[in-house]
Amino acid sequence: MAVETFNSGRGGRADRPWAEAGLILGAHLEVARGRRKQSEVVEATGGRVSKSLYSRLEGGEVRIDKPHIVSIIMDALDIAPGTYRDHLSTLALEASKEGWASRFRSGHREVVPDSMLRLTSLEESATEFFMVDRIAIPGQLQTEAYSKLVTNYTLPASLKDAGLQDVIVGLRAERRHRFAGRLVTDRPKGRFFIEEAVLYADFGHPGVLIDQLQKLLDIVENRALPVGIRVMTARAPLAVPVSTLARLGFRRSLLDAVPDVIYSETGRTASFHRGSLPGITEADDPDYVDLDDLIDNVLMRAPGYRDSRRLIENALLEAKLCL
């Protein structure tokens, strides 16, 4: 059974960002595998593909730096020559191309990890953004001054001493620029949930916070933007101790079979979870936390537009009183 491919709506025939292509390719590989175990597919490659690599390729977790590996896997999956196989080969080629964030990574793996390369690539084509942030204003909505302040405040001393804050600030600035550009062209829907305490964290610079809160109000009041901001007032809005939680959607209709991706971050540890595929039954895992249900819980408990706007206005007034 083939997976219906995702149409990003960008117009024309443009290569997909590598993480999107890898996500779709991985979904195809999983469906093609059927009831076979991953170890059986690996064995059928004659040891030319490791179990770890195959698992990550099927999960869409890595950039495919050697596209010919996919041909070996397709042979093992008995995918015959033809249009479908050609399509998978094209996906493998697209999934091999580096994303824009790679240029910030050169020599700085410690500040631009694999998780950030994948997240920024997925953001390039997501049609829906759901972001929960409990530490700071979400990166896509930050002012430049606020971004620099938060980076300086949260960066480990060892990285500060190495003078790497400019790398992070530059990457975050490019990320904001690209998101703003997509709001004009592709118009993805963005829903941002911010913990109320974050609105009062001035990090010793109330003037910077004032400008940041004013930017949030400007976004809230611009109803033409496909962006919603909600302030979380619940004492414990999330049932698991994550600092950042994101769900990226890639489907425009219920017919699309490309799954959502959930990204979670706790401290400096990040992880991804790909949603389930049609026709695929995931093994029961007693330790698995259903982040989809968790996100729905945040949605139900967060104040609406007017109340969230009032909470931002209150925080802005208090910040002004601190000057």
Protein backbone atom coordinates (compact mmCIF):
# COMPACT_ATOMS: atom_id res chain seq x y z
CA MET A 1 0.00 0.00 0.00
CA ALA A 2 1.49 3.33 -1.05
CA VAL A 3 1.36 6.37 1.18
CA GLU A 4 -0.38 9.36 -0.35
CA THR A 5 2.27 12.03 -0.62
CA PHE A 6 2.02 15.47 0.87
CA ASN A 7 1.43 18.51 -1.32
CA SER A 8 2.90 21.52 0.45
CA GLY A 9 1.10 24.01 -1.73
CA ARG A 10 4.30 25.88 -2.55
CA GLY A 11 3.49 25.82 -6.25
CA GLY A 12 5.55 24.38 -9.10
CA ARG A 13 7.92 21.49 -8.65
CA ALA A 14 10.30 22.42 -5.86
CA ASP A 15 12.39 20.07 -3.80
CA ARG A 16 11.05 19.38 -0.36
CA PRO A 17 13.14 20.25 2.71
CA TRP A 18 15.15 17.16 3.65
CA ALA A 19 13.23 16.42 6.85
CA GLU A 20 9.87 16.44 5.07
CA ALA A 21 11.20 14.18 2.34
CA GLY A 22 12.70 11.86 4.94
CA LEU A 23 9.44 11.77 6.86
CA ILE A 24 7.45 10.78 3.78
CA LEU A 25 10.06 8.24 2.66
CA GLY A 26 10.13 6.67 6.10
CA ALA A 27 6.35 6.32 6.05
CA HIS A 28 6.55 4.56 2.68
CA LEU A 29 9.23 2.18 3.96
CA GLU A 30 7.20 1.30 7.03
CA VAL A 31 4.06 0.59 5.01
CA ALA A 32 6.06 -1.44 2.45
CA ARG A 33 7.57 -3.53 5.25
CA GLY A 34 4.11 -4.66 6.32
CA ARG A 35 4.18 -7.40 8.94
CA ARG A 36 7.87 -8.09 8.55
CA LYS A 37 10.17 -7.11 11.37
CA GLN A 38 12.81 -4.47 10.80
CA SER A 39 15.48 -7.08 11.52
CA GLU A 40 14.19 -9.18 8.60
CA VAL A 41 14.60 -6.26 6.21
CA VAL A 42 18.09 -5.57 7.54
CA GLU A 43 19.03 -9.22 7.07
CA ALA A 44 17.72 -9.08 3.50
CA THR A 45 20.18 -6.26 2.73
CA GLY A 46 23.03 -8.70 3.33
CA GLY A 47 24.47 -6.63 6.14
CA ARG A 48 24.90 -3.53 3.96
CA VAL A 49 22.46 -1.57 6.16
CA SER A 50 22.61 -1.65 9.95
CA LYS A 51 19.51 -2.12 12.08
CA SER A 52 20.09 1.23 13.74
CA LEU A 53 20.30 3.09 10.43
CA TYR A 54 17.26 1.34 8.99
CA SER A 55 15.21 2.14 12.07
CA ARG A 56 16.16 5.81 11.85
CA LEU A 57 15.45 5.96 8.12
CA GLU A 58 12.04 4.41 8.59
CA GLY A 59 11.32 6.89 11.36
CA GLY A 60 12.39 9.78 9.12
CA GLU A 61 14.90 10.81 11.78
CA VAL A 62 18.06 11.50 9.75
CA ARG A 63 19.25 13.24 6.64
CA ILE A 64 20.16 10.55 4.11
CA ASP A 65 23.72 11.46 3.17
CA LYS A 66 24.04 8.33 0.99
CA PRO A 67 20.85 8.01 -1.14
CA HIS A 68 22.02 4.76 -2.75
CA ILE A 69 21.35 3.06 0.61
CA VAL A 70 17.63 3.43 -0.11
CA SER A 71 17.98 1.40 -3.31
CA ILE A 72 19.46 -1.45 -1.28
CA ILE A 73 16.54 -1.21 1.17
CA MET A 74 13.98 -1.17 -1.65
CA ASP A 75 15.51 -4.36 -3.05
CA ALA A 76 15.15 -5.92 0.40
CA LEU A 77 11.52 -4.80 0.51
CA ASP A 78 10.87 -6.28 -2.95
CA ILE A 79 9.85 -2.93 -4.42
CA ALA A 80 9.95 -3.51 -8.17
CA PRO A 81 11.27 -1.03 -10.75
CA GLY A 82 8.64 1.44 -11.88
CA THR A 83 7.01 4.76 -11.10
CA TYR A 84 6.61 4.05 -7.40
CA ARG A 85 10.24 3.05 -6.93
CA ASP A 86 11.36 6.10 -8.91
CA HIS A 87 9.31 8.27 -6.60
CA LEU A 88 11.00 6.80 -3.53
CA SER A 89 14.40 7.37 -5.13
CA THR A 90 13.49 11.01 -5.67
CA LEU A 91 12.49 11.31 -2.02
CA ALA A 92 15.83 9.81 -1.00
CA LEU A 93 17.69 12.38 -3.10
CA GLU A 94 15.66 15.24 -1.62
CA ALA A 95 16.28 13.87 1.86
CA SER A 96 20.02 14.02 1.26
CA LYS A 97 20.25 17.79 0.75
CA GLU A 98 21.39 19.91 3.66
CA GLY A 99 19.03 22.48 5.13
CA TRP A 100 19.71 26.14 5.78
CA ALA A 101 20.60 25.54 9.45
CA SER A 102 23.64 23.45 8.48
CA ARG A 103 25.72 26.53 7.82
CA PHE A 104 25.38 27.52 11.48
CA ARG A 105 26.46 24.05 12.53
CA SER A 106 29.89 24.03 10.90
CA GLY A 107 32.26 23.39 13.79
CA HIS A 108 29.52 24.06 16.34
CA ARG A 109 27.74 20.75 16.84
CA GLU A 110 27.41 21.46 20.57
CA VAL A 111 25.13 24.45 19.95
CA VAL A 112 23.38 23.23 16.78
CA PRO A 113 22.58 19.56 17.44
CA ASP A 114 20.92 17.11 15.06
CA SER A 115 17.56 17.81 16.69
CA MET A 116 17.73 21.49 15.71
CA LEU A 117 18.70 20.65 12.13
CA ARG A 118 15.68 18.40 11.85
CA LEU A 119 13.27 20.77 13.62
CA THR A 120 14.18 23.76 11.44
CA SER A 121 13.89 21.65 8.30
CA LEU A 122 10.44 20.36 9.29
CA GLU A 123 9.34 23.92 9.98
CA GLU A 124 10.12 24.84 6.37
CA SER A 125 7.07 22.97 5.07
CA ALA A 126 4.74 22.40 8.02
CA THR A 127 1.23 23.67 7.37
CA GLU A 128 0.36 23.84 11.07
CA PHE A 129 2.44 24.81 14.07
CA PHE A 130 1.39 24.05 17.63
CA MET A 131 3.92 25.37 20.17
CA VAL A 132 3.90 25.23 23.96
CA ASP A 133 6.72 27.05 25.74
CA ARG A 134 7.17 27.22 29.49
CA ILE A 135 10.58 28.94 29.61
CA ALA A 136 10.45 31.90 27.23
CA ILE A 137 8.47 33.52 24.43
CA PRO A 138 8.51 31.07 21.48
CA GLY A 139 11.44 31.71 19.15
CA GLN A 140 9.30 32.54 16.10
CA LEU A 141 7.70 35.44 18.01
CA GLN A 142 10.78 36.90 19.68
CA THR A 143 12.24 40.35 19.09
CA GLU A 144 15.94 40.48 18.30
CA ALA A 145 16.80 42.06 21.65
CA TYR A 146 14.74 39.51 23.57
CA SER A 147 16.37 36.66 21.68
CA LYS A 148 19.84 37.90 22.59
CA LEU A 149 18.81 38.36 26.21
CA VAL A 150 17.29 34.89 26.56
CA THR A 151 20.25 33.28 24.80
CA ASN A 152 22.71 34.97 27.14
CA TYR A 153 20.61 34.01 30.16
CA THR A 154 20.09 30.34 29.27
CA LEU A 155 23.34 29.40 27.55
CA PRO A 156 25.73 27.27 29.63
CA ALA A 157 28.82 29.10 30.86
CA SER A 158 31.14 26.84 28.88
CA LEU A 159 29.50 27.87 25.61
CA LYS A 160 29.49 31.54 26.61
CA ASP A 161 33.19 31.35 27.32
CA ALA A 162 33.70 29.88 23.86
CA GLY A 163 31.88 32.88 22.37
CA LEU A 164 29.17 30.77 20.75
CA GLN A 165 26.16 32.89 21.70
CA ASP A 166 26.36 34.68 18.33
CA VAL A 167 25.89 31.35 16.54
CA ILE A 168 22.66 30.65 18.40
CA VAL A 169 21.39 34.22 18.04
CA GLY A 170 22.08 34.09 14.29
CA LEU A 171 20.27 30.78 13.85
CA ARG A 172 17.27 31.99 15.84
CA ALA A 173 17.13 35.20 13.80
CA GLU A 174 17.10 33.22 10.54
CA ARG A 175 14.41 30.94 11.95
CA ARG A 176 12.21 33.95 12.80
CA HIS A 177 12.83 35.51 9.39
CA ARG A 178 11.82 32.35 7.57
CA PHE A 179 8.69 31.87 9.66
CA ALA A 180 7.65 35.49 9.01
CA GLY A 181 8.22 34.96 5.30
CA ARG A 182 6.06 31.84 5.25
CA LEU A 183 3.23 33.72 6.97
CA VAL A 184 3.11 35.92 3.88
CA THR A 185 3.56 33.20 1.24
CA ASP A 186 2.33 29.80 2.49
CA ARG A 187 0.32 31.13 5.48
CA PRO A 188 0.76 28.14 7.83
CA LYS A 189 -1.47 28.17 10.89
CA GLY A 190 0.39 28.87 14.11
CA ARG A 191 -0.92 28.36 17.63
CA PHE A 192 1.39 29.44 20.41
CA PHE A 193 0.78 28.69 24.08
CA ILE A 194 2.86 30.62 26.62
CA GLU A 195 2.97 30.05 30.35
CA GLU A 196 1.78 33.15 32.21
CA ALA A 197 4.94 33.42 34.34
CA VAL A 198 6.99 33.87 31.16
CA LEU A 199 5.24 37.20 30.56
CA TYR A 200 6.82 38.57 33.74
CA ALA A 201 10.37 37.26 33.26
CA ASP A 202 12.37 40.38 32.35
CA PHE A 203 15.79 38.83 33.15
CA GLY A 204 16.76 42.19 34.65
CA HIS A 205 15.88 44.17 31.52
CA PRO A 206 12.25 45.38 31.71
CA GLY A 207 12.70 47.58 28.62
CA VAL A 208 13.44 44.52 26.46
CA LEU A 209 10.43 42.72 27.91
CA ILE A 210 8.18 45.71 27.19
CA ASP A 211 9.10 45.68 23.50
CA GLN A 212 8.58 41.91 23.40
CA LEU A 213 5.15 42.07 25.03
CA GLN A 214 4.13 44.88 22.69
CA LYS A 215 5.10 42.68 19.75
CA LEU A 216 2.87 39.91 21.12
CA LEU A 217 -0.03 42.36 21.39
CA ASP A 218 0.55 43.54 17.84
CA ILE A 219 0.35 39.93 16.65
CA VAL A 220 -2.76 39.26 18.72
CA GLU A 221 -4.50 42.35 17.35
CA ASN A 222 -3.63 41.53 13.74
CA ARG A 223 -6.51 39.17 13.09
CA ALA A 224 -5.44 38.80 9.45
CA LEU A 225 -2.43 36.73 10.53
CA PRO A 226 -3.00 32.95 10.76
CA VAL A 227 -1.45 33.04 14.25
CA GLY A 228 -3.11 32.58 17.63
CA ILE A 229 -1.50 33.28 21.00
CA ARG A 230 -2.89 31.84 24.22
CA VAL A 231 -1.61 32.36 27.75
CA MET A 232 -1.65 29.27 29.96
CA THR A 233 -2.87 30.07 33.47
CA ALA A 234 -3.28 26.53 34.77
CA ARG A 235 -0.87 25.75 37.56
CA ALA A 236 0.27 22.54 35.92
CA PRO A 237 -0.74 22.77 32.23
CA LEU A 238 1.40 19.82 31.20
CA ALA A 239 1.40 16.41 32.82
CA VAL A 240 5.01 15.71 31.89
CA PRO A 241 8.04 17.86 32.76
CA VAL A 242 8.85 19.30 29.32
CA SER A 243 10.04 22.86 28.76
CA THR A 244 8.99 23.02 25.12
CA LEU A 245 6.42 21.00 23.20
CA ALA A 246 5.64 21.33 19.51
CA ARG A 247 3.38 19.55 17.07
CA LEU A 248 4.02 20.12 13.37
CA GLY A 249 1.24 19.20 10.97
CA PHE A 250 1.72 18.44 7.27
CA ARG A 251 -1.77 17.47 6.17
CA ARG A 252 -4.30 19.70 4.47
CA SER A 253 -7.05 17.08 4.44
CA LEU A 254 -8.01 13.81 6.06
CA LEU A 255 -6.90 12.01 2.89
CA ASP A 256 -3.25 12.84 3.46
CA ALA A 257 -1.37 9.96 5.05
CA VAL A 258 1.70 11.92 6.14
CA PRO A 259 1.77 11.92 9.95
CA ASP A 260 2.28 14.80 12.33
CA VAL A 261 5.57 15.13 14.18
CA ILE A 262 5.74 15.92 17.87
CA TYR A 263 8.87 17.55 19.25
CA SER A 264 9.55 17.81 22.97
CA GLU A 265 12.42 19.40 24.84
CA THR A 266 13.44 18.99 28.46
CA GLY A 267 16.47 21.05 29.38
CA ARG A 268 18.98 20.31 26.62
CA THR A 269 17.46 16.93 25.73
CA ALA A 270 15.20 16.85 22.67
CA SER A 271 13.13 14.06 21.14
CA PHE A 272 10.74 13.50 18.23
CA HIS A 273 7.70 11.26 17.86
CA ARG A 274 6.11 10.59 14.51
CA GLY A 275 2.37 10.07 14.61
CA SER A 276 0.87 6.73 13.67
CA LEU A 277 0.32 5.74 10.04
CA PRO A 278 -2.97 4.53 8.53
CA GLY A 279 -3.04 0.75 8.54
CA ILE A 280 -0.17 0.49 11.01
CA THR A 281 -0.80 -0.81 14.51
CA GLU A 282 1.83 0.37 16.96
CA ALA A 283 2.92 -1.98 19.70
CA ASP A 284 1.48 -1.21 23.11
CA ASP A 285 4.03 0.54 25.29
CA PRO A 286 3.05 0.95 28.95
CA ASP A 287 5.62 3.74 29.35
CA TYR A 288 4.52 5.73 26.31
CA VAL A 289 3.10 9.18 27.06
CA ASP A 290 0.40 10.13 24.56
CA LEU A 291 1.48 13.66 23.70
CA ASP A 292 -1.52 14.11 21.40
CA ASP A 293 -3.85 13.78 24.39
CA LEU A 294 -1.55 16.05 26.36
CA ILE A 295 -1.79 18.74 23.69
CA ASP A 296 -5.57 18.43 23.55
CA ASN A 297 -5.59 18.95 27.31
CA VAL A 298 -3.63 22.20 26.91
CA LEU A 299 -6.08 23.35 24.26
CA MET A 300 -9.10 22.76 26.47
CA ARG A 301 -7.64 24.46 29.54
CA ALA A 302 -6.07 27.57 27.99
CA PRO A 303 -7.97 30.91 28.10
CA GLY A 304 -9.43 32.23 24.88
CA TYR A 305 -8.45 35.18 22.71
CA ARG A 306 -9.85 38.02 24.86
CA ASP A 307 -8.61 36.65 28.18
CA SER A 308 -5.16 35.95 26.76
CA ARG A 309 -4.97 39.47 25.36
CA ARG A 310 -5.92 40.89 28.75
CA LEU A 311 -3.21 38.83 30.48
CA ILE A 312 -0.57 40.13 28.05
CA GLU A 313 -1.79 43.69 28.60
CA ASN A 314 -1.56 43.25 32.38
CA ALA A 315 2.01 41.95 32.09
CA LEU A 316 2.92 44.85 29.81
CA LEU A 317 1.53 47.38 32.30
CA GLU A 318 3.47 45.83 35.17
CA ALA A 319 6.68 45.82 33.12
CA LYS A 320 6.24 49.53 32.39
CA LEU A 321 5.80 50.22 36.11
CA CYS A 322 9.21 48.60 36.68
CA LEU A 323 11.02 51.25 34.61
